[in-house]
Amino acid sequence: MKYVKDGVECETQELSILETLQELEDVVHIAKMMCRGIHKDGGMPDSARGDAKYAHTNLDEAEEYISFLRKKIKIALEHVPTDIQRQEYL
């Protein structure tokens, strides 16, 4: 996954699964803040504010699913040897 953080282009290729989920969660959080700002902006057209609210709701769902995945991955990783986890960036 490629993304921009603090003005720097980053890539999650060499992060563990849990680190990648954290980065994804950070990206979702930033997008939610932007949607919240658009939704509250009285100068925006109603359609844009409605779209921002809808997007924010979907981002909430994504954030919940990331938490669900994190729990499942932690359970699965208990059964993968540490050397394999490091080798495969798990």
PDB file of N, CA and C in Angstrom:
ATOM      1  N   MET A   1       0.846  -1.167   0.000  1.00  0.00           N
ATOM      2  CA  MET A   1       0.000   0.000   0.000  1.00  0.00           C
ATOM      3  C   MET A   1       0.896   1.235   0.000  1.00  0.00           C
ATOM      4  N   LYS A   2       0.615   2.148  -0.890  1.00  0.00           N
ATOM      5  CA  LYS A   2       1.348   3.410  -0.919  1.00  0.00           C
ATOM      6  C   LYS A   2       0.431   4.501  -0.384  1.00  0.00           C
ATOM      7  N   TYR A   3       1.009   5.440   0.339  1.00  0.00           N
ATOM      8  CA  TYR A   3       0.252   6.553   0.903  1.00  0.00           C
ATOM      9  C   TYR A   3       1.218   7.677   1.231  1.00  0.00           C
ATOM     10  N   VAL A   4       0.673   8.847   1.552  1.00  0.00           N
ATOM     11  CA  VAL A   4       1.494   9.999   1.919  1.00  0.00           C
ATOM     12  C   VAL A   4       1.252  10.312   3.384  1.00  0.00           C
ATOM     13  N   LYS A   5       2.339  10.439   4.145  1.00  0.00           N
ATOM     14  CA  LYS A   5       2.251  10.751   5.572  1.00  0.00           C
ATOM     15  C   LYS A   5       3.228  11.878   5.865  1.00  0.00           C
ATOM     16  N   ASP A   6       2.723  12.961   6.406  1.00  0.00           N
ATOM     17  CA  ASP A   6       3.543  14.143   6.700  1.00  0.00           C
ATOM     18  C   ASP A   6       4.306  14.621   5.468  1.00  0.00           C
ATOM     19  N   GLY A   7       3.664  14.535   4.303  1.00  0.00           N
ATOM     20  CA  GLY A   7       4.270  15.009   3.067  1.00  0.00           C
ATOM     21  C   GLY A   7       5.282  14.062   2.450  1.00  0.00           C
ATOM     22  N   VAL A   8       5.464  12.878   3.040  1.00  0.00           N
ATOM     23  CA  VAL A   8       6.443  11.906   2.545  1.00  0.00           C
ATOM     24  C   VAL A   8       5.701  10.688   2.009  1.00  0.00           C
ATOM     25  N   GLU A   9       6.072  10.244   0.800  1.00  0.00           N
ATOM     26  CA  GLU A   9       5.444   9.057   0.235  1.00  0.00           C
ATOM     27  C   GLU A   9       5.989   7.818   0.932  1.00  0.00           C
ATOM     28  N   CYS A  10       5.099   6.983   1.431  1.00  0.00           N
ATOM     29  CA  CYS A  10       5.484   5.779   2.168  1.00  0.00           C
ATOM     30  C   CYS A  10       4.888   4.554   1.486  1.00  0.00           C
ATOM     31  N   GLU A  11       5.440   3.399   1.817  1.00  0.00           N
ATOM     32  CA  GLU A  11       4.944   2.140   1.289  1.00  0.00           C
ATOM     33  C   GLU A  11       5.002   1.106   2.402  1.00  0.00           C
ATOM     34  N   THR A  12       3.982   0.268   2.492  1.00  0.00           N
ATOM     35  CA  THR A  12       3.904  -0.686   3.594  1.00  0.00           C
ATOM     36  C   THR A  12       4.468  -2.057   3.243  1.00  0.00           C
ATOM     37  N   GLN A  13       5.130  -2.190   2.124  1.00  0.00           N
ATOM     38  CA  GLN A  13       5.606  -3.486   1.659  1.00  0.00           C
ATOM     39  C   GLN A  13       6.437  -4.219   2.705  1.00  0.00           C
ATOM     40  N   GLU A  14       7.281  -3.516   3.450  1.00  0.00           N
ATOM     41  CA  GLU A  14       8.166  -4.186   4.385  1.00  0.00           C
ATOM     42  C   GLU A  14       7.711  -4.047   5.829  1.00  0.00           C
ATOM     43  N   LEU A  15       6.448  -3.747   6.039  1.00  0.00           N
ATOM     44  CA  LEU A  15       5.900  -3.691   7.388  1.00  0.00           C
ATOM     45  C   LEU A  15       5.211  -5.013   7.690  1.00  0.00           C
ATOM     46  N   SER A  16       5.090  -5.306   8.964  1.00  0.00           N
ATOM     47  CA  SER A  16       4.337  -6.498   9.341  1.00  0.00           C
ATOM     48  C   SER A  16       2.860  -6.252   9.047  1.00  0.00           C
ATOM     49  N   ILE A  17       2.074  -7.294   9.107  1.00  0.00           N
ATOM     50  CA  ILE A  17       0.640  -7.164   8.866  1.00  0.00           C
ATOM     51  C   ILE A  17       0.021  -6.202   9.869  1.00  0.00           C
ATOM     52  N   LEU A  18       0.391  -6.336  11.131  1.00  0.00           N
ATOM     53  CA  LEU A  18      -0.190  -5.466  12.158  1.00  0.00           C
ATOM     54  C   LEU A  18       0.255  -4.018  11.975  1.00  0.00           C
ATOM     55  N   GLU A  19       1.516  -3.815  11.569  1.00  0.00           N
ATOM     56  CA  GLU A  19       1.986  -2.446  11.296  1.00  0.00           C
ATOM     57  C   GLU A  19       1.245  -1.853  10.096  1.00  0.00           C
ATOM     58  N   THR A  20       1.012  -2.685   9.085  1.00  0.00           N
ATOM     59  CA  THR A  20       0.271  -2.232   7.912  1.00  0.00           C
ATOM     60  C   THR A  20      -1.152  -1.848   8.289  1.00  0.00           C
ATOM     61  N   LEU A  21      -1.785  -2.648   9.131  1.00  0.00           N
ATOM     62  CA  LEU A  21      -3.133  -2.309   9.597  1.00  0.00           C
ATOM     63  C   LEU A  21      -3.134  -0.989  10.354  1.00  0.00           C
ATOM     64  N   GLN A  22      -2.093  -0.747  11.145  1.00  0.00           N
ATOM     65  CA  GLN A  22      -2.012   0.513  11.884  1.00  0.00           C
ATOM     66  C   GLN A  22      -1.889   1.690  10.919  1.00  0.00           C
ATOM     67  N   GLU A  23      -1.056   1.537   9.896  1.00  0.00           N
ATOM     68  CA  GLU A  23      -0.910   2.602   8.899  1.00  0.00           C
ATOM     69  C   GLU A  23      -2.233   2.833   8.171  1.00  0.00           C
ATOM     70  N   LEU A  24      -2.927   1.752   7.826  1.00  0.00           N
ATOM     71  CA  LEU A  24      -4.227   1.866   7.168  1.00  0.00           C
ATOM     72  C   LEU A  24      -5.232   2.570   8.074  1.00  0.00           C
ATOM     73  N   GLU A  25      -5.208   2.223   9.349  1.00  0.00           N
ATOM     74  CA  GLU A  25      -6.096   2.866  10.318  1.00  0.00           C
ATOM     75  C   GLU A  25      -5.791   4.365  10.418  1.00  0.00           C
ATOM     76  N   ASP A  26      -4.515   4.730  10.370  1.00  0.00           N
ATOM     77  CA  ASP A  26      -4.125   6.146  10.391  1.00  0.00           C
ATOM     78  C   ASP A  26      -4.674   6.884   9.169  1.00  0.00           C
ATOM     79  N   VAL A  27      -4.583   6.253   7.991  1.00  0.00           N
ATOM     80  CA  VAL A  27      -5.095   6.860   6.763  1.00  0.00           C
ATOM     81  C   VAL A  27      -6.608   7.052   6.859  1.00  0.00           C
ATOM     82  N   VAL A  28      -7.311   6.055   7.387  1.00  0.00           N
ATOM     83  CA  VAL A  28      -8.765   6.155   7.570  1.00  0.00           C
ATOM     84  C   VAL A  28      -9.093   7.293   8.527  1.00  0.00           C
ATOM     85  N   HIS A  29      -8.335   7.401   9.602  1.00  0.00           N
ATOM     86  CA  HIS A  29      -8.579   8.458  10.587  1.00  0.00           C
ATOM     87  C   HIS A  29      -8.414   9.846   9.954  1.00  0.00           C
ATOM     88  N   ILE A  30      -7.384  10.024   9.157  1.00  0.00           N
ATOM     89  CA  ILE A  30      -7.161  11.306   8.481  1.00  0.00           C
ATOM     90  C   ILE A  30      -8.314  11.608   7.526  1.00  0.00           C
ATOM     91  N   ALA A  31      -8.740  10.608   6.770  1.00  0.00           N
ATOM     92  CA  ALA A  31      -9.860  10.805   5.842  1.00  0.00           C
ATOM     93  C   ALA A  31     -11.137  11.167   6.595  1.00  0.00           C
ATOM     94  N   LYS A  32     -11.342  10.543   7.758  1.00  0.00           N
ATOM     95  CA  LYS A  32     -12.522  10.871   8.567  1.00  0.00           C
ATOM     96  C   LYS A  32     -12.481  12.322   9.026  1.00  0.00           C
ATOM     97  N   MET A  33     -11.311  12.794   9.427  1.00  0.00           N
ATOM     98  CA  MET A  33     -11.187  14.191   9.859  1.00  0.00           C
ATOM     99  C   MET A  33     -11.515  15.135   8.704  1.00  0.00           C
ATOM    100  N   MET A  34     -11.052  14.791   7.504  1.00  0.00           N
ATOM    101  CA  MET A  34     -11.341  15.629   6.342  1.00  0.00           C
ATOM    102  C   MET A  34     -12.835  15.624   6.033  1.00  0.00           C
ATOM    103  N   CYS A  35     -13.467  14.460   6.093  1.00  0.00           N
ATOM    104  CA  CYS A  35     -14.910  14.369   5.845  1.00  0.00           C
ATOM    105  C   CYS A  35     -15.686  15.159   6.886  1.00  0.00           C
ATOM    106  N   ARG A  36     -15.249  15.068   8.124  1.00  0.00           N
ATOM    107  CA  ARG A  36     -15.917  15.798   9.202  1.00  0.00           C
ATOM    108  C   ARG A  36     -15.842  17.300   8.938  1.00  0.00           C
ATOM    109  N   GLY A  37     -14.684  17.763   8.476  1.00  0.00           N
ATOM    110  CA  GLY A  37     -14.511  19.179   8.168  1.00  0.00           C
ATOM    111  C   GLY A  37     -15.406  19.625   7.028  1.00  0.00           C
ATOM    112  N   ILE A  38     -15.520  18.805   5.983  1.00  0.00           N
ATOM    113  CA  ILE A  38     -16.387  19.136   4.847  1.00  0.00           C
ATOM    114  C   ILE A  38     -17.843  19.143   5.286  1.00  0.00           C
ATOM    115  N   HIS A  39     -18.220  18.137   6.083  1.00  0.00           N
ATOM    116  CA  HIS A  39     -19.614  18.014   6.520  1.00  0.00           C
ATOM    117  C   HIS A  39     -20.044  19.223   7.347  1.00  0.00           C
ATOM    118  N   LYS A  40     -19.142  19.753   8.155  1.00  0.00           N
ATOM    119  CA  LYS A  40     -19.485  20.874   9.035  1.00  0.00           C
ATOM    120  C   LYS A  40     -19.347  22.230   8.350  1.00  0.00           C
ATOM    121  N   ASP A  41     -18.726  22.266   7.169  1.00  0.00           N
ATOM    122  CA  ASP A  41     -18.502  23.528   6.461  1.00  0.00           C
ATOM    123  C   ASP A  41     -19.822  24.046   5.904  1.00  0.00           C
ATOM    124  N   GLY A  42     -20.317  25.119   6.472  1.00  0.00           N
ATOM    125  CA  GLY A  42     -21.585  25.697   6.035  1.00  0.00           C
ATOM    126  C   GLY A  42     -21.533  26.259   4.630  1.00  0.00           C
ATOM    127  N   GLY A  43     -20.339  26.526   4.090  1.00  0.00           N
ATOM    128  CA  GLY A  43     -20.213  27.086   2.755  1.00  0.00           C
ATOM    129  C   GLY A  43     -20.260  26.049   1.648  1.00  0.00           C
ATOM    130  N   MET A  44     -20.278  24.781   2.007  1.00  0.00           N
ATOM    131  CA  MET A  44     -20.287  23.713   1.011  1.00  0.00           C
ATOM    132  C   MET A  44     -21.719  23.436   0.564  1.00  0.00           C
ATOM    133  N   PRO A  45     -21.897  23.012  -0.697  1.00  0.00           N
ATOM    134  CA  PRO A  45     -23.239  22.622  -1.152  1.00  0.00           C
ATOM    135  C   PRO A  45     -23.758  21.448  -0.327  1.00  0.00           C
ATOM    136  N   ASP A  46     -25.070  21.373  -0.176  1.00  0.00           N
ATOM    137  CA  ASP A  46     -25.678  20.289   0.602  1.00  0.00           C
ATOM    138  C   ASP A  46     -25.259  18.918   0.085  1.00  0.00           C
ATOM    139  N   SER A  47     -25.150  18.777  -1.244  1.00  0.00           N
ATOM    140  CA  SER A  47     -24.786  17.471  -1.804  1.00  0.00           C
ATOM    141  C   SER A  47     -23.381  17.057  -1.358  1.00  0.00           C
ATOM    142  N   ALA A  48     -22.454  18.009  -1.329  1.00  0.00           N
ATOM    143  CA  ALA A  48     -21.086  17.698  -0.891  1.00  0.00           C
ATOM    144  C   ALA A  48     -21.062  17.346   0.585  1.00  0.00           C
ATOM    145  N   ARG A  49     -21.820  18.072   1.382  1.00  0.00           N
ATOM    146  CA  ARG A  49     -21.860  17.766   2.820  1.00  0.00           C
ATOM    147  C   ARG A  49     -22.485  16.395   3.047  1.00  0.00           C
ATOM    148  N   GLY A  50     -23.526  16.069   2.279  1.00  0.00           N
ATOM    149  CA  GLY A  50     -24.153  14.749   2.398  1.00  0.00           C
ATOM    150  C   GLY A  50     -23.200  13.639   2.002  1.00  0.00           C
ATOM    151  N   ASP A  51     -22.460  13.860   0.912  1.00  0.00           N
ATOM    152  CA  ASP A  51     -21.473  12.866   0.473  1.00  0.00           C
ATOM    153  C   ASP A  51     -20.392  12.673   1.528  1.00  0.00           C
ATOM    154  N   ALA A  52     -19.967  13.770   2.153  1.00  0.00           N
ATOM    155  CA  ALA A  52     -18.938  13.691   3.195  1.00  0.00           C
ATOM    156  C   ALA A  52     -19.450  12.902   4.390  1.00  0.00           C
ATOM    157  N   LYS A  53     -20.706  13.113   4.747  1.00  0.00           N
ATOM    158  CA  LYS A  53     -21.284  12.374   5.879  1.00  0.00           C
ATOM    159  C   LYS A  53     -21.360  10.880   5.545  1.00  0.00           C
ATOM    160  N   TYR A  54     -21.772  10.561   4.322  1.00  0.00           N
ATOM    161  CA  TYR A  54     -21.860   9.172   3.872  1.00  0.00           C
ATOM    162  C   TYR A  54     -20.471   8.520   3.876  1.00  0.00           C
ATOM    163  N   ALA A  55     -19.475   9.243   3.364  1.00  0.00           N
ATOM    164  CA  ALA A  55     -18.103   8.725   3.350  1.00  0.00           C
ATOM    165  C   ALA A  55     -17.602   8.503   4.771  1.00  0.00           C
ATOM    166  N   HIS A  56     -17.917   9.426   5.670  1.00  0.00           N
ATOM    167  CA  HIS A  56     -17.497   9.304   7.070  1.00  0.00           C
ATOM    168  C   HIS A  56     -18.094   8.042   7.692  1.00  0.00           C
ATOM    169  N   THR A  57     -19.358   7.772   7.398  1.00  0.00           N
ATOM    170  CA  THR A  57     -20.014   6.562   7.913  1.00  0.00           C
ATOM    171  C   THR A  57     -19.300   5.313   7.404  1.00  0.00           C
ATOM    172  N   ASN A  58     -18.959   5.295   6.119  1.00  0.00           N
ATOM    173  CA  ASN A  58     -18.240   4.148   5.560  1.00  0.00           C
ATOM    174  C   ASN A  58     -16.858   3.994   6.179  1.00  0.00           C
ATOM    175  N   LEU A  59     -16.203   5.106   6.461  1.00  0.00           N
ATOM    176  CA  LEU A  59     -14.887   5.052   7.101  1.00  0.00           C
ATOM    177  C   LEU A  59     -14.993   4.524   8.527  1.00  0.00           C
ATOM    178  N   ASP A  60     -16.083   4.859   9.225  1.00  0.00           N
ATOM    179  CA  ASP A  60     -16.321   4.284  10.556  1.00  0.00           C
ATOM    180  C   ASP A  60     -16.389   2.765  10.467  1.00  0.00           C
ATOM    181  N   GLU A  61     -17.120   2.274   9.462  1.00  0.00           N
ATOM    182  CA  GLU A  61     -17.247   0.826   9.264  1.00  0.00           C
ATOM    183  C   GLU A  61     -15.885   0.205   8.954  1.00  0.00           C
ATOM    184  N   ALA A  62     -15.091   0.873   8.132  1.00  0.00           N
ATOM    185  CA  ALA A  62     -13.753   0.370   7.795  1.00  0.00           C
ATOM    186  C   ALA A  62     -12.880   0.293   9.038  1.00  0.00           C
ATOM    187  N   GLU A  63     -12.981   1.307   9.879  1.00  0.00           N
ATOM    188  CA  GLU A  63     -12.186   1.339  11.112  1.00  0.00           C
ATOM    189  C   GLU A  63     -12.563   0.173  12.033  1.00  0.00           C
ATOM    190  N   GLU A  64     -13.855  -0.104  12.135  1.00  0.00           N
ATOM    191  CA  GLU A  64     -14.297  -1.241  12.952  1.00  0.00           C
ATOM    192  C   GLU A  64     -13.776  -2.554  12.374  1.00  0.00           C
ATOM    193  N   TYR A  65     -13.786  -2.672  11.051  1.00  0.00           N
ATOM    194  CA  TYR A  65     -13.323  -3.899  10.424  1.00  0.00           C
ATOM    195  C   TYR A  65     -11.823  -4.081  10.616  1.00  0.00           C
ATOM    196  N   ILE A  66     -11.072  -2.996  10.610  1.00  0.00           N
ATOM    197  CA  ILE A  66      -9.631  -3.075  10.865  1.00  0.00           C
ATOM    198  C   ILE A  66      -9.388  -3.643  12.262  1.00  0.00           C
ATOM    199  N   SER A  67     -10.154  -3.202  13.244  1.00  0.00           N
ATOM    200  CA  SER A  67     -10.021  -3.733  14.611  1.00  0.00           C
ATOM    201  C   SER A  67     -10.330  -5.224  14.637  1.00  0.00           C
ATOM    202  N   PHE A  68     -11.372  -5.631  13.909  1.00  0.00           N
ATOM    203  CA  PHE A  68     -11.747  -7.040  13.814  1.00  0.00           C
ATOM    204  C   PHE A  68     -10.604  -7.848  13.194  1.00  0.00           C
ATOM    205  N   LEU A  69     -10.036  -7.341  12.090  1.00  0.00           N
ATOM    206  CA  LEU A  69      -8.923  -8.032  11.432  1.00  0.00           C
ATOM    207  C   LEU A  69      -7.712  -8.140  12.340  1.00  0.00           C
ATOM    208  N   ARG A  70      -7.424  -7.072  13.081  1.00  0.00           N
ATOM    209  CA  ARG A  70      -6.274  -7.074  13.988  1.00  0.00           C
ATOM    210  C   ARG A  70      -6.398  -8.231  14.989  1.00  0.00           C
ATOM    211  N   LYS A  71      -7.577  -8.418  15.567  1.00  0.00           N
ATOM    212  CA  LYS A  71      -7.788  -9.512  16.532  1.00  0.00           C
ATOM    213  C   LYS A  71      -7.563 -10.867  15.871  1.00  0.00           C
ATOM    214  N   LYS A  72      -8.116 -11.051  14.674  1.00  0.00           N
ATOM    215  CA  LYS A  72      -7.979 -12.327  13.965  1.00  0.00           C
ATOM    216  C   LYS A  72      -6.516 -12.604  13.602  1.00  0.00           C
ATOM    217  N   ILE A  73      -5.805 -11.579  13.172  1.00  0.00           N
ATOM    218  CA  ILE A  73      -4.401 -11.747  12.782  1.00  0.00           C
ATOM    219  C   ILE A  73      -3.548 -12.109  13.990  1.00  0.00           C
ATOM    220  N   LYS A  74      -3.795 -11.475  15.127  1.00  0.00           N
ATOM    221  CA  LYS A  74      -3.031 -11.798  16.337  1.00  0.00           C
ATOM    222  C   LYS A  74      -3.216 -13.263  16.709  1.00  0.00           C
ATOM    223  N   ILE A  75      -4.428 -13.763  16.592  1.00  0.00           N
ATOM    224  CA  ILE A  75      -4.696 -15.175  16.891  1.00  0.00           C
ATOM    225  C   ILE A  75      -3.958 -16.070  15.896  1.00  0.00           C
ATOM    226  N   ALA A  76      -4.036 -15.735  14.610  1.00  0.00           N
ATOM    227  CA  ALA A  76      -3.386 -16.549  13.580  1.00  0.00           C
ATOM    228  C   ALA A  76      -1.869 -16.555  13.738  1.00  0.00           C
ATOM    229  N   LEU A  77      -1.288 -15.411  14.093  1.00  0.00           N
ATOM    230  CA  LEU A  77       0.170 -15.320  14.209  1.00  0.00           C
ATOM    231  C   LEU A  77       0.720 -16.149  15.365  1.00  0.00           C
ATOM    232  N   GLU A  78      -0.114 -16.478  16.324  1.00  0.00           N
ATOM    233  CA  GLU A  78       0.334 -17.334  17.427  1.00  0.00           C
ATOM    234  C   GLU A  78       0.771 -18.702  16.915  1.00  0.00           C
ATOM    235  N   HIS A  79       0.327 -19.084  15.712  1.00  0.00           N
ATOM    236  CA  HIS A  79       0.610 -20.406  15.158  1.00  0.00           C
ATOM    237  C   HIS A  79       1.662 -20.373  14.050  1.00  0.00           C
ATOM    238  N   VAL A  80       2.281 -19.212  13.833  1.00  0.00           N
ATOM    239  CA  VAL A  80       3.316 -19.081  12.800  1.00  0.00           C
ATOM    240  C   VAL A  80       4.654 -18.843  13.499  1.00  0.00           C
ATOM    241  N   PRO A  81       5.670 -19.663  13.195  1.00  0.00           N
ATOM    242  CA  PRO A  81       6.980 -19.477  13.823  1.00  0.00           C
ATOM    243  C   PRO A  81       7.528 -18.063  13.591  1.00  0.00           C
ATOM    244  N   THR A  82       8.250 -17.552  14.578  1.00  0.00           N
ATOM    245  CA  THR A  82       8.778 -16.190  14.540  1.00  0.00           C
ATOM    246  C   THR A  82       9.674 -15.955  13.331  1.00  0.00           C
ATOM    247  N   ASP A  83      10.528 -16.937  12.989  1.00  0.00           N
ATOM    248  CA  ASP A  83      11.427 -16.739  11.843  1.00  0.00           C
ATOM    249  C   ASP A  83      10.646 -16.592  10.535  1.00  0.00           C
ATOM    250  N   ILE A  84       9.562 -17.317  10.395  1.00  0.00           N
ATOM    251  CA  ILE A  84       8.717 -17.189   9.198  1.00  0.00           C
ATOM    252  C   ILE A  84       8.015 -15.836   9.204  1.00  0.00           C
ATOM    253  N   GLN A  85       7.576 -15.394  10.376  1.00  0.00           N
ATOM    254  CA  GLN A  85       6.931 -14.081  10.473  1.00  0.00           C
ATOM    255  C   GLN A  85       7.876 -12.988   9.985  1.00  0.00           C
ATOM    256  N   ARG A  86       9.146 -13.062  10.411  1.00  0.00           N
ATOM    257  CA  ARG A  86      10.131 -12.051   9.998  1.00  0.00           C
ATOM    258  C   ARG A  86      10.433 -12.149   8.502  1.00  0.00           C
ATOM    259  N   GLN A  87      10.625 -13.373   8.034  1.00  0.00           N
ATOM    260  CA  GLN A  87      10.977 -13.605   6.629  1.00  0.00           C
ATOM    261  C   GLN A  87       9.883 -13.100   5.686  1.00  0.00           C
ATOM    262  N   GLU A  88       8.643 -13.309   6.040  1.00  0.00           N
ATOM    263  CA  GLU A  88       7.514 -12.952   5.173  1.00  0.00           C
ATOM    264  C   GLU A  88       6.851 -11.637   5.568  1.00  0.00           C
ATOM    265  N   TYR A  89       7.475 -10.880   6.473  1.00  0.00           N
ATOM    266  CA  TYR A  89       6.928  -9.610   6.970  1.00  0.00           C
ATOM    267  C   TYR A  89       5.508  -9.784   7.511  1.00  0.00           C
ATOM    268  N   LEU A  90       5.322 -10.839   8.300  1.00  0.00           N
ATOM    269  CA  LEU A  90       4.015 -11.065   8.905  1.00  0.00           C
ATOM    270  C   LEU A  90       3.928 -10.321  10.214  1.00  0.00           C
TER     271      LEU A  90
END
